[in-house]
Amino acid sequence: MSAKDTQADIASIQSISSVPTILEAIAALTGLRFVCIARVTNNSWTTCAVLDKLGFGLKVGDD
C-alpha cells in the first residue's frame, strides 16, 4: 500500500461526521481513555481517528 492510499483512507474516515461521537461512545461504554480507528495492514498500522483522554500522544497519521 502506498502513502497515497493511506492518506486517502485517513481522509475517508475523517470525512465521516459521526466518528468523534462513535469514539466518545466507545470510550464511555468501555471506560477506555484512548480509542482510535486504525488502518491495519500485514506490515503496519496508521491511526485514522483518535480520541486521546489518556495523553498517550498518538495523532492522526501516526504509526
PDB file of N, CA and C in Angstrom:
ATOM      1  N   MET A   1       0.834  -1.176   0.000  1.00  0.00           N
ATOM      2  CA  MET A   1       0.000   0.000   0.000  1.00  0.00           C
ATOM      3  C   MET A   1       0.879   1.239   0.000  1.00  0.00           C
ATOM      4  N   SER A   2       0.454   2.214  -0.717  1.00  0.00           N
ATOM      5  CA  SER A   2       1.238   3.439  -0.838  1.00  0.00           C
ATOM      6  C   SER A   2       0.804   4.479   0.197  1.00  0.00           C
ATOM      7  N   ALA A   3       1.652   5.479   0.369  1.00  0.00           N
ATOM      8  CA  ALA A   3       1.319   6.594   1.261  1.00  0.00           C
ATOM      9  C   ALA A   3       0.066   7.308   0.767  1.00  0.00           C
ATOM     10  N   LYS A   4      -0.107   7.344  -0.548  1.00  0.00           N
ATOM     11  CA  LYS A   4      -1.298   7.974  -1.133  1.00  0.00           C
ATOM     12  C   LYS A   4      -2.560   7.224  -0.708  1.00  0.00           C
ATOM     13  N   ASP A   5      -2.497   5.883  -0.715  1.00  0.00           N
ATOM     14  CA  ASP A   5      -3.635   5.072  -0.278  1.00  0.00           C
ATOM     15  C   ASP A   5      -3.947   5.331   1.195  1.00  0.00           C
ATOM     16  N   THR A   6      -2.908   5.389   2.003  1.00  0.00           N
ATOM     17  CA  THR A   6      -3.082   5.631   3.432  1.00  0.00           C
ATOM     18  C   THR A   6      -3.730   6.985   3.669  1.00  0.00           C
ATOM     19  N   GLN A   7      -3.244   8.013   3.003  1.00  0.00           N
ATOM     20  CA  GLN A   7      -3.815   9.353   3.162  1.00  0.00           C
ATOM     21  C   GLN A   7      -5.269   9.394   2.697  1.00  0.00           C
ATOM     22  N   ALA A   8      -5.582   8.653   1.652  1.00  0.00           N
ATOM     23  CA  ALA A   8      -6.968   8.591   1.168  1.00  0.00           C
ATOM     24  C   ALA A   8      -7.867   7.933   2.210  1.00  0.00           C
ATOM     25  N   ASP A   9      -7.370   6.874   2.843  1.00  0.00           N
ATOM     26  CA  ASP A   9      -8.153   6.200   3.881  1.00  0.00           C
ATOM     27  C   ASP A   9      -8.355   7.110   5.091  1.00  0.00           C
ATOM     28  N   ILE A  10      -7.310   7.828   5.486  1.00  0.00           N
ATOM     29  CA  ILE A  10      -7.434   8.776   6.596  1.00  0.00           C
ATOM     30  C   ILE A  10      -8.481   9.831   6.256  1.00  0.00           C
ATOM     31  N   ALA A  11      -8.408  10.373   5.061  1.00  0.00           N
ATOM     32  CA  ALA A  11      -9.372  11.395   4.636  1.00  0.00           C
ATOM     33  C   ALA A  11     -10.795  10.846   4.636  1.00  0.00           C
ATOM     34  N   SER A  12     -10.961   9.600   4.224  1.00  0.00           N
ATOM     35  CA  SER A  12     -12.297   8.985   4.209  1.00  0.00           C
ATOM     36  C   SER A  12     -12.874   8.896   5.616  1.00  0.00           C
ATOM     37  N   ILE A  13     -12.069   8.425   6.557  1.00  0.00           N
ATOM     38  CA  ILE A  13     -12.526   8.314   7.946  1.00  0.00           C
ATOM     39  C   ILE A  13     -12.815   9.696   8.518  1.00  0.00           C
ATOM     40  N   GLN A  14     -11.926  10.644   8.267  1.00  0.00           N
ATOM     41  CA  GLN A  14     -12.088  12.000   8.790  1.00  0.00           C
ATOM     42  C   GLN A  14     -13.327  12.699   8.222  1.00  0.00           C
ATOM     43  N   SER A  15     -13.784  12.270   7.053  1.00  0.00           N
ATOM     44  CA  SER A  15     -14.947  12.908   6.431  1.00  0.00           C
ATOM     45  C   SER A  15     -16.279  12.435   7.016  1.00  0.00           C
ATOM     46  N   ILE A  16     -16.249  11.413   7.840  1.00  0.00           N
ATOM     47  CA  ILE A  16     -17.470  10.881   8.451  1.00  0.00           C
ATOM     48  C   ILE A  16     -17.752  11.677   9.724  1.00  0.00           C
ATOM     49  N   SER A  17     -18.788  12.469   9.700  1.00  0.00           N
ATOM     50  CA  SER A  17     -19.052  13.394  10.810  1.00  0.00           C
ATOM     51  C   SER A  17     -19.372  12.699  12.133  1.00  0.00           C
ATOM     52  N   SER A  18     -19.833  11.467  12.093  1.00  0.00           N
ATOM     53  CA  SER A  18     -20.200  10.761  13.321  1.00  0.00           C
ATOM     54  C   SER A  18     -19.013  10.083  14.015  1.00  0.00           C
ATOM     55  N   VAL A  19     -17.848  10.080  13.409  1.00  0.00           N
ATOM     56  CA  VAL A  19     -16.696   9.390  14.000  1.00  0.00           C
ATOM     57  C   VAL A  19     -16.370   9.899  15.407  1.00  0.00           C
ATOM     58  N   PRO A  20     -16.276  11.197  15.656  1.00  0.00           N
ATOM     59  CA  PRO A  20     -15.988  11.635  17.034  1.00  0.00           C
ATOM     60  C   PRO A  20     -17.031  11.149  18.048  1.00  0.00           C
ATOM     61  N   THR A  21     -18.289  11.138  17.649  1.00  0.00           N
ATOM     62  CA  THR A  21     -19.354  10.654  18.528  1.00  0.00           C
ATOM     63  C   THR A  21     -19.194   9.164  18.797  1.00  0.00           C
ATOM     64  N   ILE A  22     -18.838   8.410  17.780  1.00  0.00           N
ATOM     65  CA  ILE A  22     -18.620   6.969  17.936  1.00  0.00           C
ATOM     66  C   ILE A  22     -17.451   6.713  18.879  1.00  0.00           C
ATOM     67  N   LEU A  23     -16.355   7.450  18.710  1.00  0.00           N
ATOM     68  CA  LEU A  23     -15.197   7.275  19.591  1.00  0.00           C
ATOM     69  C   LEU A  23     -15.559   7.623  21.035  1.00  0.00           C
ATOM     70  N   GLU A  24     -16.308   8.694  21.230  1.00  0.00           N
ATOM     71  CA  GLU A  24     -16.754   9.081  22.577  1.00  0.00           C
ATOM     72  C   GLU A  24     -17.638   7.993  23.188  1.00  0.00           C
ATOM     73  N   ALA A  25     -18.542   7.428  22.389  1.00  0.00           N
ATOM     74  CA  ALA A  25     -19.431   6.376  22.885  1.00  0.00           C
ATOM     75  C   ALA A  25     -18.639   5.140  23.287  1.00  0.00           C
ATOM     76  N   ILE A  26     -17.677   4.754  22.474  1.00  0.00           N
ATOM     77  CA  ILE A  26     -16.840   3.592  22.801  1.00  0.00           C
ATOM     78  C   ILE A  26     -16.085   3.842  24.099  1.00  0.00           C
ATOM     79  N   ALA A  27     -15.528   5.043  24.243  1.00  0.00           N
ATOM     80  CA  ALA A  27     -14.801   5.382  25.466  1.00  0.00           C
ATOM     81  C   ALA A  27     -15.724   5.316  26.683  1.00  0.00           C
ATOM     82  N   ALA A  28     -16.918   5.853  26.555  1.00  0.00           N
ATOM     83  CA  ALA A  28     -17.867   5.857  27.668  1.00  0.00           C
ATOM     84  C   ALA A  28     -18.318   4.444  28.034  1.00  0.00           C
ATOM     85  N   LEU A  29     -18.582   3.628  27.036  1.00  0.00           N
ATOM     86  CA  LEU A  29     -19.066   2.265  27.284  1.00  0.00           C
ATOM     87  C   LEU A  29     -17.998   1.341  27.852  1.00  0.00           C
ATOM     88  N   THR A  30     -16.752   1.555  27.453  1.00  0.00           N
ATOM     89  CA  THR A  30     -15.674   0.648  27.862  1.00  0.00           C
ATOM     90  C   THR A  30     -14.836   1.182  29.013  1.00  0.00           C
ATOM     91  N   GLY A  31     -14.924   2.484  29.271  1.00  0.00           N
ATOM     92  CA  GLY A  31     -14.083   3.085  30.294  1.00  0.00           C
ATOM     93  C   GLY A  31     -12.669   3.377  29.813  1.00  0.00           C
ATOM     94  N   LEU A  32     -12.432   3.169  28.527  1.00  0.00           N
ATOM     95  CA  LEU A  32     -11.106   3.442  27.970  1.00  0.00           C
ATOM     96  C   LEU A  32     -10.919   4.938  27.793  1.00  0.00           C
ATOM     97  N   ARG A  33      -9.690   5.402  27.987  1.00  0.00           N
ATOM     98  CA  ARG A  33      -9.391   6.820  27.782  1.00  0.00           C
ATOM     99  C   ARG A  33      -8.629   7.050  26.482  1.00  0.00           C
ATOM    100  N   PHE A  34      -8.325   5.970  25.776  1.00  0.00           N
ATOM    101  CA  PHE A  34      -7.711   6.066  24.450  1.00  0.00           C
ATOM    102  C   PHE A  34      -8.476   5.152  23.513  1.00  0.00           C
ATOM    103  N   VAL A  35      -9.003   5.734  22.444  1.00  0.00           N
ATOM    104  CA  VAL A  35      -9.752   4.981  21.437  1.00  0.00           C
ATOM    105  C   VAL A  35      -9.308   5.496  20.076  1.00  0.00           C
ATOM    106  N   CYS A  36      -9.097   4.573  19.140  1.00  0.00           N
ATOM    107  CA  CYS A  36      -8.727   5.027  17.799  1.00  0.00           C
ATOM    108  C   CYS A  36      -9.314   4.105  16.742  1.00  0.00           C
ATOM    109  N   ILE A  37      -9.378   4.640  15.546  1.00  0.00           N
ATOM    110  CA  ILE A  37      -9.670   3.855  14.351  1.00  0.00           C
ATOM    111  C   ILE A  37      -8.364   3.810  13.588  1.00  0.00           C
ATOM    112  N   ALA A  38      -7.941   2.620  13.232  1.00  0.00           N
ATOM    113  CA  ALA A  38      -6.650   2.470  12.564  1.00  0.00           C
ATOM    114  C   ALA A  38      -6.800   1.716  11.254  1.00  0.00           C
ATOM    115  N   ARG A  39      -5.938   2.058  10.338  1.00  0.00           N
ATOM    116  CA  ARG A  39      -5.800   1.329   9.072  1.00  0.00           C
ATOM    117  C   ARG A  39      -4.692   0.310   9.311  1.00  0.00           C
ATOM    118  N   VAL A  40      -5.022  -0.969   9.204  1.00  0.00           N
ATOM    119  CA  VAL A  40      -4.083  -2.032   9.545  1.00  0.00           C
ATOM    120  C   VAL A  40      -3.771  -2.868   8.309  1.00  0.00           C
ATOM    121  N   THR A  41      -2.471  -3.090   8.077  1.00  0.00           N
ATOM    122  CA  THR A  41      -2.018  -3.989   7.019  1.00  0.00           C
ATOM    123  C   THR A  41      -1.162  -5.069   7.669  1.00  0.00           C
ATOM    124  N   ASN A  42      -0.638  -5.983   6.867  1.00  0.00           N
ATOM    125  CA  ASN A  42       0.245  -7.020   7.401  1.00  0.00           C
ATOM    126  C   ASN A  42       1.521  -6.444   7.995  1.00  0.00           C
ATOM    127  N   ASN A  43       1.927  -5.264   7.518  1.00  0.00           N
ATOM    128  CA  ASN A  43       3.215  -4.707   7.919  1.00  0.00           C
ATOM    129  C   ASN A  43       3.141  -3.480   8.813  1.00  0.00           C
ATOM    130  N   SER A  44       1.994  -2.828   8.884  1.00  0.00           N
ATOM    131  CA  SER A  44       1.928  -1.593   9.663  1.00  0.00           C
ATOM    132  C   SER A  44       0.490  -1.251  10.024  1.00  0.00           C
ATOM    133  N   TRP A  45       0.368  -0.254  10.847  1.00  0.00           N
ATOM    134  CA  TRP A  45      -0.941   0.316  11.142  1.00  0.00           C
ATOM    135  C   TRP A  45      -0.773   1.826  11.253  1.00  0.00           C
ATOM    136  N   THR A  46      -1.823   2.546  10.901  1.00  0.00           N
ATOM    137  CA  THR A  46      -1.808   4.005  10.920  1.00  0.00           C
ATOM    138  C   THR A  46      -3.116   4.495  11.521  1.00  0.00           C
ATOM    139  N   THR A  47      -3.027   5.426  12.455  1.00  0.00           N
ATOM    140  CA  THR A  47      -4.235   5.963  13.064  1.00  0.00           C
ATOM    141  C   THR A  47      -4.979   6.859  12.076  1.00  0.00           C
ATOM    142  N   CYS A  48      -6.281   6.655  11.993  1.00  0.00           N
ATOM    143  CA  CYS A  48      -7.132   7.451  11.100  1.00  0.00           C
ATOM    144  C   CYS A  48      -8.030   8.406  11.881  1.00  0.00           C
ATOM    145  N   ALA A  49      -8.312   8.070  13.129  1.00  0.00           N
ATOM    146  CA  ALA A  49      -9.101   8.924  14.021  1.00  0.00           C
ATOM    147  C   ALA A  49      -8.702   8.563  15.445  1.00  0.00           C
ATOM    148  N   VAL A  50      -8.612   9.565  16.310  1.00  0.00           N
ATOM    149  CA  VAL A  50      -8.112   9.334  17.668  1.00  0.00           C
ATOM    150  C   VAL A  50      -8.930  10.127  18.682  1.00  0.00           C
ATOM    151  N   LEU A  51      -9.234   9.478  19.794  1.00  0.00           N
ATOM    152  CA  LEU A  51      -9.739  10.150  20.990  1.00  0.00           C
ATOM    153  C   LEU A  51      -8.742   9.803  22.089  1.00  0.00           C
ATOM    154  N   ASP A  52      -7.979  10.773  22.540  1.00  0.00           N
ATOM    155  CA  ASP A  52      -6.894  10.523  23.492  1.00  0.00           C
ATOM    156  C   ASP A  52      -7.087  11.349  24.755  1.00  0.00           C
ATOM    157  N   LYS A  53      -7.839  10.799  25.705  1.00  0.00           N
ATOM    158  CA  LYS A  53      -8.017  11.441  27.005  1.00  0.00           C
ATOM    159  C   LYS A  53      -6.961  10.948  27.991  1.00  0.00           C
ATOM    160  N   LEU A  54      -6.118  10.050  27.534  1.00  0.00           N
ATOM    161  CA  LEU A  54      -5.061   9.463  28.350  1.00  0.00           C
ATOM    162  C   LEU A  54      -3.762  10.252  28.244  1.00  0.00           C
ATOM    163  N   GLY A  55      -3.629  11.015  27.170  1.00  0.00           N
ATOM    164  CA  GLY A  55      -2.381  11.730  26.927  1.00  0.00           C
ATOM    165  C   GLY A  55      -1.321  10.821  26.340  1.00  0.00           C
ATOM    166  N   PHE A  56      -1.764   9.793  25.633  1.00  0.00           N
ATOM    167  CA  PHE A  56      -0.863   8.813  25.025  1.00  0.00           C
ATOM    168  C   PHE A  56       0.006   9.458  23.954  1.00  0.00           C
ATOM    169  N   GLY A  57      -0.546  10.418  23.243  1.00  0.00           N
ATOM    170  CA  GLY A  57       0.237  11.197  22.293  1.00  0.00           C
ATOM    171  C   GLY A  57       0.122  10.810  20.833  1.00  0.00           C
ATOM    172  N   LEU A  58      -0.592   9.725  20.525  1.00  0.00           N
ATOM    173  CA  LEU A  58      -0.764   9.373  19.112  1.00  0.00           C
ATOM    174  C   LEU A  58      -1.709  10.366  18.448  1.00  0.00           C
ATOM    175  N   LYS A  59      -1.358  10.749  17.256  1.00  0.00           N
ATOM    176  CA  LYS A  59      -2.162  11.680  16.472  1.00  0.00           C
ATOM    177  C   LYS A  59      -2.569  11.002  15.161  1.00  0.00           C
ATOM    178  N   VAL A  60      -3.554  11.552  14.496  1.00  0.00           N
ATOM    179  CA  VAL A  60      -3.980  11.028  13.196  1.00  0.00           C
ATOM    180  C   VAL A  60      -2.775  11.001  12.261  1.00  0.00           C
ATOM    181  N   GLY A  61      -2.583   9.852  11.619  1.00  0.00           N
ATOM    182  CA  GLY A  61      -1.472   9.674  10.688  1.00  0.00           C
ATOM    183  C   GLY A  61      -0.254   9.017  11.298  1.00  0.00           C
ATOM    184  N   ASP A  62      -0.224   8.890  12.642  1.00  0.00           N
ATOM    185  CA  ASP A  62       0.910   8.227  13.292  1.00  0.00           C
ATOM    186  C   ASP A  62       0.831   6.720  13.101  1.00  0.00           C
ATOM    187  N   ASP A  63       2.003   6.098  13.160  1.00  0.00           N
ATOM    188  CA  ASP A  63       2.111   4.635  13.060  1.00  0.00           C
ATOM    189  C   ASP A  63       2.377   4.060  14.435  1.00  0.00           C
TER     190      ASP A  63
END
